[in-house]
Amino acid sequence: MSHIPALQISLGPVLYYWDKPQLQSFYAAVADLPLTTVYLGEVVCSKRRSLRWGEWLELAGQLSAAGKQVVMSTLTLIEAQSELSSVERACHNGEFLVEANDMAAVQFCSERGLPFVSGPHINLYNGRALRFLQKQGLCRWLLPLELSREQLQQIQQEAQALSQEALPELEVFGHGLMPLAHSARCFTARHHNLPKDRCEFRCLADPDGLPVYSQDGEALFTLNGIQTQSARCLDLRASWQDMQQRGVSAFRFSPTSTGCLQRIRDFAASMKAQTSPDQNAGGTDDCNGYWFGKPGMIHVAEV
């Protein structure tokens, strides 16, 4: 019987605009969490500068000293030369692995022969694309949010048919509001009737985004600056054993302003105790449809 590696826990980058004290307090607590990998950096809006680049690196050093693997995440939507320069700086940081959230970051890493992780918005939809990026230096990939477990299996089988080389590590976005899309427009500024270039940093007032409802009162989306997220929280904790069987290396939590740290502790404890999936299931207000090949906003009860 082949050995199945233990599933690790990772913590994605903070997707919201938090001030410096909140970020520092949050990551001080993260240092003691039972997880292996922490992603750092601004991935949504270049105007969000609670921490300067040197402070992000200092924080990375502290978490690395605490035994965490640190990955520096890059911007997802690049609109200006200054933003492209910040992506290049992150890729060439000289010490830490990089999560590429745009193909420009892939190019910067590939040019220098640097390994990288592909973020949720790199379109890896087939085995050929996976093998191509692996040749560029891909060492870990995050499964695109809208793909199912069956589609994951198809990608793996296609990649293995193309080459006998070991597949890159696989990570799944397992818990948090799903980042669905990015736009050149800032929806938060628009909500407050402000132009994007004079937004007054209104995102600071919404530490977990701004909910959007239909005329019937149904929660549809969450606005987070230029990013659109799901309204419901993706919760795949009940499927962790299924993921492990399918070769998933890491289960990613996306940070929230409240409850995130304790959920990670509880999840680590449940994995250690080999808790059955149905005992660890989320509520019906959460969603998990994409993993089962269903509409993403629904909740599927796994049998």
C-alpha atoms as a PDB file:
ATOM      1  CA  MET A   1       0.000   0.000   0.000  1.00  0.00           C
ATOM      2  CA  SER A   2       1.485   3.353  -1.049  1.00  0.00           C
ATOM      3  CA  HIS A   3       2.123   5.977   1.575  1.00  0.00           C
ATOM      4  CA  ILE A   4      -0.149   9.019   1.471  1.00  0.00           C
ATOM      5  CA  PRO A   5       1.623  12.175   2.726  1.00  0.00           C
ATOM      6  CA  ALA A   6      -0.063  14.079   5.535  1.00  0.00           C
ATOM      7  CA  LEU A   7      -2.126  17.074   4.500  1.00  0.00           C
ATOM      8  CA  GLN A   8      -0.535  20.351   5.579  1.00  0.00           C
ATOM      9  CA  ILE A   9      -2.272  23.613   6.459  1.00  0.00           C
ATOM     10  CA  SER A  10      -1.400  26.887   4.766  1.00  0.00           C
ATOM     11  CA  LEU A  11      -2.555  30.456   5.326  1.00  0.00           C
ATOM     12  CA  GLY A  12      -3.136  32.585   2.262  1.00  0.00           C
ATOM     13  CA  PRO A  13      -2.354  36.310   1.996  1.00  0.00           C
ATOM     14  CA  VAL A  14      -4.658  38.810   3.696  1.00  0.00           C
ATOM     15  CA  LEU A  15      -7.007  39.910   0.927  1.00  0.00           C
ATOM     16  CA  TYR A  16      -8.432  42.920   2.790  1.00  0.00           C
ATOM     17  CA  TYR A  17      -7.101  46.309   3.801  1.00  0.00           C
ATOM     18  CA  TRP A  18      -6.075  46.080   7.446  1.00  0.00           C
ATOM     19  CA  ASP A  19      -4.072  48.736   9.231  1.00  0.00           C
ATOM     20  CA  LYS A  20      -0.558  48.113  10.484  1.00  0.00           C
ATOM     21  CA  PRO A  21      -1.433  47.260  14.123  1.00  0.00           C
ATOM     22  CA  GLN A  22      -4.053  44.739  12.997  1.00  0.00           C
ATOM     23  CA  LEU A  23      -1.638  43.062  10.588  1.00  0.00           C
ATOM     24  CA  GLN A  24       1.114  42.905  13.178  1.00  0.00           C
ATOM     25  CA  SER A  25      -1.194  41.504  15.832  1.00  0.00           C
ATOM     26  CA  PHE A  26      -2.605  38.924  13.439  1.00  0.00           C
ATOM     27  CA  TYR A  27       0.762  37.609  12.299  1.00  0.00           C
ATOM     28  CA  ALA A  28       2.153  37.581  15.832  1.00  0.00           C
ATOM     29  CA  ALA A  29      -0.571  35.036  16.602  1.00  0.00           C
ATOM     30  CA  VAL A  30       0.026  33.159  13.330  1.00  0.00           C
ATOM     31  CA  ALA A  31       3.577  32.357  14.439  1.00  0.00           C
ATOM     32  CA  ASP A  32       2.170  29.935  17.025  1.00  0.00           C
ATOM     33  CA  LEU A  33      -0.442  28.272  14.801  1.00  0.00           C
ATOM     34  CA  PRO A  34      -0.183  24.588  13.759  1.00  0.00           C
ATOM     35  CA  LEU A  35       0.402  25.328  10.078  1.00  0.00           C
ATOM     36  CA  THR A  36       3.359  24.993   7.750  1.00  0.00           C
ATOM     37  CA  THR A  37       3.103  27.763   5.146  1.00  0.00           C
ATOM     38  CA  VAL A  38       2.227  31.473   5.319  1.00  0.00           C
ATOM     39  CA  TYR A  39       1.673  33.694   2.277  1.00  0.00           C
ATOM     40  CA  LEU A  40       2.503  37.374   2.736  1.00  0.00           C
ATOM     41  CA  GLY A  41       2.039  40.546   0.740  1.00  0.00           C
ATOM     42  CA  GLU A  42      -0.553  42.684  -0.996  1.00  0.00           C
ATOM     43  CA  VAL A  43      -2.341  40.902  -3.834  1.00  0.00           C
ATOM     44  CA  VAL A  44      -5.399  43.116  -4.474  1.00  0.00           C
ATOM     45  CA  CYS A  45      -4.582  46.840  -4.606  1.00  0.00           C
ATOM     46  CA  SER A  46      -1.232  48.600  -4.845  1.00  0.00           C
ATOM     47  CA  LYS A  47      -2.624  51.596  -2.925  1.00  0.00           C
ATOM     48  CA  ARG A  48      -2.878  49.478   0.217  1.00  0.00           C
ATOM     49  CA  ARG A  49       0.392  50.164   1.991  1.00  0.00           C
ATOM     50  CA  SER A  50      -0.109  49.486   5.670  1.00  0.00           C
ATOM     51  CA  LEU A  51       3.287  47.793   5.575  1.00  0.00           C
ATOM     52  CA  ARG A  52       6.209  48.908   3.467  1.00  0.00           C
ATOM     53  CA  TRP A  53       8.155  46.316   1.496  1.00  0.00           C
ATOM     54  CA  GLY A  54      10.934  46.248   4.069  1.00  0.00           C
ATOM     55  CA  GLU A  55       8.370  45.622   6.825  1.00  0.00           C
ATOM     56  CA  TRP A  56       6.875  42.714   4.870  1.00  0.00           C
ATOM     57  CA  LEU A  57      10.362  41.218   4.610  1.00  0.00           C
ATOM     58  CA  GLU A  58      10.963  41.763   8.312  1.00  0.00           C
ATOM     59  CA  LEU A  59       7.691  39.998   9.074  1.00  0.00           C
ATOM     60  CA  ALA A  60       8.676  37.178   6.717  1.00  0.00           C
ATOM     61  CA  GLY A  61      11.937  36.753   8.617  1.00  0.00           C
ATOM     62  CA  GLN A  62      10.104  36.526  11.938  1.00  0.00           C
ATOM     63  CA  LEU A  63       7.688  33.884  10.677  1.00  0.00           C
ATOM     64  CA  SER A  64      10.514  31.946   9.060  1.00  0.00           C
ATOM     65  CA  ALA A  65      12.375  31.963  12.376  1.00  0.00           C
ATOM     66  CA  ALA A  66       9.202  30.542  13.952  1.00  0.00           C
ATOM     67  CA  GLY A  67       9.444  27.552  11.622  1.00  0.00           C
ATOM     68  CA  LYS A  68       7.003  28.601   8.900  1.00  0.00           C
ATOM     69  CA  GLN A  69       7.648  28.397   5.192  1.00  0.00           C
ATOM     70  CA  VAL A  70       7.067  31.944   3.940  1.00  0.00           C
ATOM     71  CA  VAL A  71       5.870  32.692   0.412  1.00  0.00           C
ATOM     72  CA  MET A  72       5.729  36.247  -0.919  1.00  0.00           C
ATOM     73  CA  SER A  73       2.550  36.819  -2.947  1.00  0.00           C
ATOM     74  CA  THR A  74       2.375  39.223  -5.891  1.00  0.00           C
ATOM     75  CA  LEU A  75      -0.346  41.530  -7.205  1.00  0.00           C
ATOM     76  CA  THR A  76      -3.072  39.899  -9.267  1.00  0.00           C
ATOM     77  CA  LEU A  77      -3.994  42.789 -11.600  1.00  0.00           C
ATOM     78  CA  ILE A  78      -1.164  44.938 -12.932  1.00  0.00           C
ATOM     79  CA  GLU A  79      -2.153  48.294 -14.412  1.00  0.00           C
ATOM     80  CA  ALA A  80       0.935  50.495 -14.173  1.00  0.00           C
ATOM     81  CA  GLN A  81       4.717  50.324 -14.529  1.00  0.00           C
ATOM     82  CA  SER A  82       5.113  50.978 -10.797  1.00  0.00           C
ATOM     83  CA  GLU A  83       2.997  47.901 -10.059  1.00  0.00           C
ATOM     84  CA  LEU A  84       5.028  45.823 -12.480  1.00  0.00           C
ATOM     85  CA  SER A  85       8.176  46.984 -10.683  1.00  0.00           C
ATOM     86  CA  SER A  86       6.738  45.922  -7.325  1.00  0.00           C
ATOM     87  CA  VAL A  87       6.001  42.471  -8.746  1.00  0.00           C
ATOM     88  CA  GLU A  88       9.571  42.200 -10.032  1.00  0.00           C
ATOM     89  CA  ARG A  89      10.920  43.249  -6.626  1.00  0.00           C
ATOM     90  CA  ALA A  90       8.864  40.566  -4.911  1.00  0.00           C
ATOM     91  CA  CYS A  91      10.034  37.896  -7.366  1.00  0.00           C
ATOM     92  CA  HIS A  92      13.672  38.883  -6.893  1.00  0.00           C
ATOM     93  CA  ASN A  93      13.541  39.154  -3.092  1.00  0.00           C
ATOM     94  CA  GLY A  94      16.518  36.802  -2.836  1.00  0.00           C
ATOM     95  CA  GLU A  95      15.291  34.639   0.037  1.00  0.00           C
ATOM     96  CA  PHE A  96      11.653  33.575  -0.048  1.00  0.00           C
ATOM     97  CA  LEU A  97       9.554  31.545  -2.453  1.00  0.00           C
ATOM     98  CA  VAL A  98       7.077  33.535  -4.571  1.00  0.00           C
ATOM     99  CA  GLU A  99       3.389  33.031  -5.308  1.00  0.00           C
ATOM    100  CA  ALA A 100       2.784  34.254  -8.855  1.00  0.00           C
ATOM    101  CA  ASN A 101      -0.707  35.705  -9.265  1.00  0.00           C
ATOM    102  CA  ASP A 102      -0.071  37.033 -12.779  1.00  0.00           C
ATOM    103  CA  MET A 103       1.929  35.737 -15.707  1.00  0.00           C
ATOM    104  CA  ALA A 104       4.342  38.646 -15.369  1.00  0.00           C
ATOM    105  CA  ALA A 105       5.477  37.155 -12.073  1.00  0.00           C
ATOM    106  CA  VAL A 106       5.860  33.774 -13.762  1.00  0.00           C
ATOM    107  CA  GLN A 107       8.105  35.414 -16.347  1.00  0.00           C
ATOM    108  CA  PHE A 108      10.239  37.199 -13.759  1.00  0.00           C
ATOM    109  CA  CYS A 109      10.810  33.961 -11.846  1.00  0.00           C
ATOM    110  CA  SER A 110      11.425  31.898 -14.977  1.00  0.00           C
ATOM    111  CA  GLU A 111      14.045  34.334 -16.290  1.00  0.00           C
ATOM    112  CA  ARG A 112      16.156  33.802 -13.179  1.00  0.00           C
ATOM    113  CA  GLY A 113      15.458  30.104 -12.794  1.00  0.00           C
ATOM    114  CA  LEU A 114      13.530  30.672  -9.560  1.00  0.00           C
ATOM    115  CA  PRO A 115      10.887  28.237  -8.308  1.00  0.00           C
ATOM    116  CA  PHE A 116       7.398  29.641  -7.777  1.00  0.00           C
ATOM    117  CA  VAL A 117       3.863  28.793  -6.674  1.00  0.00           C
ATOM    118  CA  SER A 118       0.930  29.529  -8.964  1.00  0.00           C
ATOM    119  CA  GLY A 119      -1.892  31.457  -7.289  1.00  0.00           C
ATOM    120  CA  PRO A 120      -5.648  30.989  -7.752  1.00  0.00           C
ATOM    121  CA  HIS A 121      -5.849  33.228 -10.833  1.00  0.00           C
ATOM    122  CA  ILE A 122      -3.259  31.447 -12.958  1.00  0.00           C
ATOM    123  CA  ASN A 123      -5.343  29.451 -15.451  1.00  0.00           C
ATOM    124  CA  LEU A 124      -4.168  25.881 -15.018  1.00  0.00           C
ATOM    125  CA  TYR A 125      -6.967  23.895 -16.604  1.00  0.00           C
ATOM    126  CA  ASN A 126      -5.175  20.933 -18.186  1.00  0.00           C
ATOM    127  CA  GLY A 127      -2.149  18.720 -17.824  1.00  0.00           C
ATOM    128  CA  ARG A 128      -0.279  20.313 -20.712  1.00  0.00           C
ATOM    129  CA  ALA A 129      -0.442  23.750 -19.064  1.00  0.00           C
ATOM    130  CA  LEU A 130       0.695  22.209 -15.779  1.00  0.00           C
ATOM    131  CA  ARG A 131       3.729  20.564 -17.374  1.00  0.00           C
ATOM    132  CA  PHE A 132       4.573  23.736 -19.299  1.00  0.00           C
ATOM    133  CA  LEU A 133       4.652  25.864 -16.150  1.00  0.00           C
ATOM    134  CA  GLN A 134       6.556  23.153 -14.341  1.00  0.00           C
ATOM    135  CA  LYS A 135       9.320  23.587 -16.911  1.00  0.00           C
ATOM    136  CA  GLN A 136       9.294  27.319 -16.100  1.00  0.00           C
ATOM    137  CA  GLY A 137       9.875  26.580 -12.410  1.00  0.00           C
ATOM    138  CA  LEU A 138       6.444  25.765 -10.965  1.00  0.00           C
ATOM    139  CA  CYS A 139       6.928  23.796  -7.750  1.00  0.00           C
ATOM    140  CA  ARG A 140       3.401  24.068  -6.288  1.00  0.00           C
ATOM    141  CA  TRP A 141       0.054  24.966  -7.818  1.00  0.00           C
ATOM    142  CA  LEU A 142      -3.199  26.112  -6.316  1.00  0.00           C
ATOM    143  CA  LEU A 143      -6.166  24.443  -7.960  1.00  0.00           C
ATOM    144  CA  PRO A 144      -8.331  27.088  -9.700  1.00  0.00           C
ATOM    145  CA  LEU A 145     -11.359  27.659  -7.492  1.00  0.00           C
ATOM    146  CA  GLU A 146     -13.985  26.665 -10.058  1.00  0.00           C
ATOM    147  CA  LEU A 147     -12.534  23.232 -10.816  1.00  0.00           C
ATOM    148  CA  SER A 148     -13.985  20.038  -9.363  1.00  0.00           C
ATOM    149  CA  ARG A 149     -12.252  17.006  -7.901  1.00  0.00           C
ATOM    150  CA  GLU A 150     -13.031  15.079 -11.099  1.00  0.00           C
ATOM    151  CA  GLN A 151     -11.411  17.813 -13.200  1.00  0.00           C
ATOM    152  CA  LEU A 152      -8.415  17.706 -10.877  1.00  0.00           C
ATOM    153  CA  GLN A 153      -8.081  13.993 -11.533  1.00  0.00           C
ATOM    154  CA  GLN A 154      -8.255  14.587 -15.288  1.00  0.00           C
ATOM    155  CA  ILE A 155      -5.477  17.189 -15.091  1.00  0.00           C
ATOM    156  CA  GLN A 156      -3.296  14.842 -13.050  1.00  0.00           C
ATOM    157  CA  GLN A 157      -3.843  11.941 -15.438  1.00  0.00           C
ATOM    158  CA  GLU A 158      -3.107  14.073 -18.501  1.00  0.00           C
ATOM    159  CA  ALA A 159       0.063  15.468 -16.937  1.00  0.00           C
ATOM    160  CA  GLN A 160       1.256  11.992 -15.980  1.00  0.00           C
ATOM    161  CA  ALA A 161       0.616  10.761 -19.527  1.00  0.00           C
ATOM    162  CA  LEU A 162       2.826  13.561 -20.866  1.00  0.00           C
ATOM    163  CA  SER A 163       5.767  12.913 -18.533  1.00  0.00           C
ATOM    164  CA  GLN A 164       6.921  10.503 -15.844  1.00  0.00           C
ATOM    165  CA  GLU A 165       8.338  13.413 -13.842  1.00  0.00           C
ATOM    166  CA  ALA A 166       6.779  13.880 -10.399  1.00  0.00           C
ATOM    167  CA  LEU A 167       3.911  16.351 -10.366  1.00  0.00           C
ATOM    168  CA  PRO A 168       4.303  19.678  -8.544  1.00  0.00           C
ATOM    169  CA  GLU A 169       2.862  19.945  -5.062  1.00  0.00           C
ATOM    170  CA  LEU A 170      -0.869  20.621  -5.044  1.00  0.00           C
ATOM    171  CA  GLU A 171      -2.702  23.105  -2.822  1.00  0.00           C
ATOM    172  CA  VAL A 172      -6.448  23.680  -2.528  1.00  0.00           C
ATOM    173  CA  PHE A 173      -8.208  26.858  -1.409  1.00  0.00           C
ATOM    174  CA  GLY A 174     -10.228  25.233   1.346  1.00  0.00           C
ATOM    175  CA  HIS A 175     -11.773  27.900   3.549  1.00  0.00           C
ATOM    176  CA  GLY A 176     -12.688  31.558   3.084  1.00  0.00           C
ATOM    177  CA  LEU A 177     -14.535  33.892   0.755  1.00  0.00           C
ATOM    178  CA  MET A 178     -13.611  32.910  -2.790  1.00  0.00           C
ATOM    179  CA  PRO A 179     -11.776  35.565  -4.855  1.00  0.00           C
ATOM    180  CA  LEU A 180     -13.729  35.410  -8.094  1.00  0.00           C
ATOM    181  CA  ALA A 181     -12.639  38.332 -10.272  1.00  0.00           C
ATOM    182  CA  HIS A 182     -10.693  41.580 -10.464  1.00  0.00           C
ATOM    183  CA  SER A 183     -11.521  44.783 -12.286  1.00  0.00           C
ATOM    184  CA  ALA A 184      -9.773  48.021 -13.194  1.00  0.00           C
ATOM    185  CA  ARG A 185     -12.620  49.754 -11.362  1.00  0.00           C
ATOM    186  CA  CYS A 186     -12.769  49.968  -7.579  1.00  0.00           C
ATOM    187  CA  PHE A 187     -16.206  48.840  -6.484  1.00  0.00           C
ATOM    188  CA  THR A 188     -15.727  50.007  -2.913  1.00  0.00           C
ATOM    189  CA  ALA A 189     -14.900  53.549  -4.049  1.00  0.00           C
ATOM    190  CA  ARG A 190     -17.859  53.477  -6.411  1.00  0.00           C
ATOM    191  CA  HIS A 191     -20.136  52.420  -3.557  1.00  0.00           C
ATOM    192  CA  HIS A 192     -19.079  55.565  -1.669  1.00  0.00           C
ATOM    193  CA  ASN A 193     -19.395  57.756  -4.790  1.00  0.00           C
ATOM    194  CA  LEU A 194     -15.656  58.363  -4.894  1.00  0.00           C
ATOM    195  CA  PRO A 195     -13.229  58.155  -7.832  1.00  0.00           C
ATOM    196  CA  LYS A 196     -10.723  55.332  -7.684  1.00  0.00           C
ATOM    197  CA  ASP A 197      -7.695  57.627  -7.443  1.00  0.00           C
ATOM    198  CA  ARG A 198      -9.272  59.507  -4.503  1.00  0.00           C
ATOM    199  CA  CYS A 199     -10.858  56.577  -2.691  1.00  0.00           C
ATOM    200  CA  GLU A 200      -9.953  57.839   0.801  1.00  0.00           C
ATOM    201  CA  PHE A 201      -8.985  54.229   1.595  1.00  0.00           C
ATOM    202  CA  ARG A 202     -12.584  53.362   2.451  1.00  0.00           C
ATOM    203  CA  CYS A 203     -11.631  49.654   2.396  1.00  0.00           C
ATOM    204  CA  LEU A 204     -10.268  50.143   5.913  1.00  0.00           C
ATOM    205  CA  ALA A 205     -13.856  50.329   7.176  1.00  0.00           C
ATOM    206  CA  ASP A 206     -14.639  46.841   5.813  1.00  0.00           C
ATOM    207  CA  PRO A 207     -12.112  44.387   7.280  1.00  0.00           C
ATOM    208  CA  ASP A 208     -13.919  41.453   5.655  1.00  0.00           C
ATOM    209  CA  GLY A 209     -15.286  43.180   2.569  1.00  0.00           C
ATOM    210  CA  LEU A 210     -18.627  44.779   1.758  1.00  0.00           C
ATOM    211  CA  PRO A 211     -21.600  42.415   1.213  1.00  0.00           C
ATOM    212  CA  VAL A 212     -23.835  42.818  -1.830  1.00  0.00           C
ATOM    213  CA  TYR A 213     -27.430  41.576  -1.897  1.00  0.00           C
ATOM    214  CA  SER A 214     -29.963  40.952  -4.608  1.00  0.00           C
ATOM    215  CA  GLN A 215     -33.294  42.804  -4.651  1.00  0.00           C
ATOM    216  CA  ASP A 216     -34.748  39.732  -2.973  1.00  0.00           C
ATOM    217  CA  GLY A 217     -32.281  40.039  -0.115  1.00  0.00           C
ATOM    218  CA  GLU A 218     -30.057  37.131  -1.117  1.00  0.00           C
ATOM    219  CA  ALA A 219     -26.328  37.561  -0.491  1.00  0.00           C
ATOM    220  CA  LEU A 220     -24.593  37.389  -3.880  1.00  0.00           C
ATOM    221  CA  PHE A 221     -21.076  38.817  -3.671  1.00  0.00           C
ATOM    222  CA  THR A 222     -18.600  40.579  -1.422  1.00  0.00           C
ATOM    223  CA  LEU A 223     -16.888  43.723  -2.661  1.00  0.00           C
ATOM    224  CA  ASN A 224     -13.239  44.140  -1.726  1.00  0.00           C
ATOM    225  CA  GLY A 225     -11.876  47.118  -3.609  1.00  0.00           C
ATOM    226  CA  ILE A 226     -11.173  45.984  -7.173  1.00  0.00           C
ATOM    227  CA  GLN A 227     -11.777  42.367  -6.167  1.00  0.00           C
ATOM    228  CA  THR A 228     -15.127  40.563  -6.236  1.00  0.00           C
ATOM    229  CA  GLN A 229     -15.505  37.691  -3.803  1.00  0.00           C
ATOM    230  CA  SER A 230     -18.215  35.165  -3.079  1.00  0.00           C
ATOM    231  CA  ALA A 231     -20.857  36.072  -0.508  1.00  0.00           C
ATOM    232  CA  ARG A 232     -20.778  32.640   1.064  1.00  0.00           C
ATOM    233  CA  CYS A 233     -17.713  31.194   2.709  1.00  0.00           C
ATOM    234  CA  LEU A 234     -16.153  28.269   0.901  1.00  0.00           C
ATOM    235  CA  ASP A 235     -15.750  25.452   3.413  1.00  0.00           C
ATOM    236  CA  LEU A 236     -14.094  22.221   2.297  1.00  0.00           C
ATOM    237  CA  ARG A 237     -12.963  21.075   5.731  1.00  0.00           C
ATOM    238  CA  ALA A 238     -15.270  18.060   5.574  1.00  0.00           C
ATOM    239  CA  SER A 239     -13.439  16.891   2.427  1.00  0.00           C
ATOM    240  CA  TRP A 240      -9.920  16.923   3.801  1.00  0.00           C
ATOM    241  CA  GLN A 241      -9.539  13.136   3.754  1.00  0.00           C
ATOM    242  CA  ASP A 242     -10.800  13.006   0.170  1.00  0.00           C
ATOM    243  CA  MET A 243      -8.252  15.674  -0.769  1.00  0.00           C
ATOM    244  CA  GLN A 244      -5.446  13.771   0.886  1.00  0.00           C
ATOM    245  CA  GLN A 245      -6.334  10.662  -1.108  1.00  0.00           C
ATOM    246  CA  ARG A 246      -6.225  12.725  -4.302  1.00  0.00           C
ATOM    247  CA  GLY A 247      -2.687  13.949  -3.707  1.00  0.00           C
ATOM    248  CA  VAL A 248      -3.434  17.373  -2.244  1.00  0.00           C
ATOM    249  CA  SER A 249      -0.423  18.595  -0.252  1.00  0.00           C
ATOM    250  CA  ALA A 250      -1.864  21.663   1.471  1.00  0.00           C
ATOM    251  CA  PHE A 251      -5.255  22.991   2.580  1.00  0.00           C
ATOM    252  CA  ARG A 252      -5.411  26.786   2.414  1.00  0.00           C
ATOM    253  CA  PHE A 253      -7.282  29.044   4.809  1.00  0.00           C
ATOM    254  CA  SER A 254      -7.896  32.614   3.675  1.00  0.00           C
ATOM    255  CA  PRO A 255      -7.510  35.121   6.554  1.00  0.00           C
ATOM    256  CA  THR A 256     -10.533  36.870   8.091  1.00  0.00           C
ATOM    257  CA  SER A 257     -10.620  39.489  10.820  1.00  0.00           C
ATOM    258  CA  THR A 258     -12.373  37.214  13.335  1.00  0.00           C
ATOM    259  CA  GLY A 259     -12.427  33.482  14.013  1.00  0.00           C
ATOM    260  CA  CYS A 260      -9.778  32.460  11.508  1.00  0.00           C
ATOM    261  CA  LEU A 261      -7.067  31.522  13.989  1.00  0.00           C
ATOM    262  CA  GLN A 262      -9.330  29.339  16.095  1.00  0.00           C
ATOM    263  CA  ARG A 263     -10.739  27.585  13.022  1.00  0.00           C
ATOM    264  CA  ILE A 264      -7.199  26.641  12.026  1.00  0.00           C
ATOM    265  CA  ARG A 265      -6.481  25.268  15.492  1.00  0.00           C
ATOM    266  CA  ASP A 266      -9.706  23.255  15.464  1.00  0.00           C
ATOM    267  CA  PHE A 267      -9.044  21.917  11.978  1.00  0.00           C
ATOM    268  CA  ALA A 268      -5.514  20.834  12.887  1.00  0.00           C
ATOM    269  CA  ALA A 269      -6.889  19.061  15.957  1.00  0.00           C
ATOM    270  CA  SER A 270      -9.563  17.281  13.903  1.00  0.00           C
ATOM    271  CA  MET A 271      -6.988  16.049  11.394  1.00  0.00           C
ATOM    272  CA  LYS A 272      -4.757  14.799  14.173  1.00  0.00           C
ATOM    273  CA  ALA A 273      -7.712  12.936  15.686  1.00  0.00           C
ATOM    274  CA  GLN A 274      -8.721  11.620  12.233  1.00  0.00           C
ATOM    275  CA  THR A 275     -12.200  13.065  12.687  1.00  0.00           C
ATOM    276  CA  SER A 276     -14.618  11.780  10.084  1.00  0.00           C
ATOM    277  CA  PRO A 277     -15.708  14.319   7.466  1.00  0.00           C
ATOM    278  CA  ASP A 278     -19.355  14.478   8.550  1.00  0.00           C
ATOM    279  CA  GLN A 279     -18.325  15.442  12.079  1.00  0.00           C
ATOM    280  CA  ASN A 280     -16.259  18.314  10.752  1.00  0.00           C
ATOM    281  CA  ALA A 281     -18.797  19.625   8.229  1.00  0.00           C
ATOM    282  CA  GLY A 282     -19.638  23.300   7.865  1.00  0.00           C
ATOM    283  CA  GLY A 283     -23.132  24.736   7.918  1.00  0.00           C
ATOM    284  CA  THR A 284     -25.517  25.125   5.008  1.00  0.00           C
ATOM    285  CA  ASP A 285     -24.793  28.879   4.917  1.00  0.00           C
ATOM    286  CA  ASP A 286     -21.353  27.945   3.615  1.00  0.00           C
ATOM    287  CA  CYS A 287     -20.675  26.626   0.111  1.00  0.00           C
ATOM    288  CA  ASN A 288     -18.631  23.860  -1.507  1.00  0.00           C
ATOM    289  CA  GLY A 289     -20.319  23.255  -4.854  1.00  0.00           C
ATOM    290  CA  TYR A 290     -17.332  23.678  -7.166  1.00  0.00           C
ATOM    291  CA  TRP A 291     -15.422  20.803  -5.566  1.00  0.00           C
ATOM    292  CA  PHE A 292     -18.320  18.472  -6.381  1.00  0.00           C
ATOM    293  CA  GLY A 293     -18.856  19.759  -9.912  1.00  0.00           C
ATOM    294  CA  LYS A 294     -21.920  21.796  -8.921  1.00  0.00           C
ATOM    295  CA  PRO A 295     -22.660  25.550  -8.894  1.00  0.00           C
ATOM    296  CA  GLY A 296     -20.121  27.130  -6.592  1.00  0.00           C
ATOM    297  CA  MET A 297     -22.545  28.955  -4.305  1.00  0.00           C
ATOM    298  CA  ILE A 298     -24.450  25.866  -3.154  1.00  0.00           C
ATOM    299  CA  HIS A 299     -23.737  23.531  -0.251  1.00  0.00           C
ATOM    300  CA  VAL A 300     -23.397  19.842  -1.072  1.00  0.00           C
ATOM    301  CA  ALA A 301     -23.718  17.374   1.779  1.00  0.00           C
ATOM    302  CA  GLU A 302     -20.990  14.807   1.201  1.00  0.00           C
ATOM    303  CA  VAL A 303     -22.057  11.206   1.775  1.00  0.00           C
END
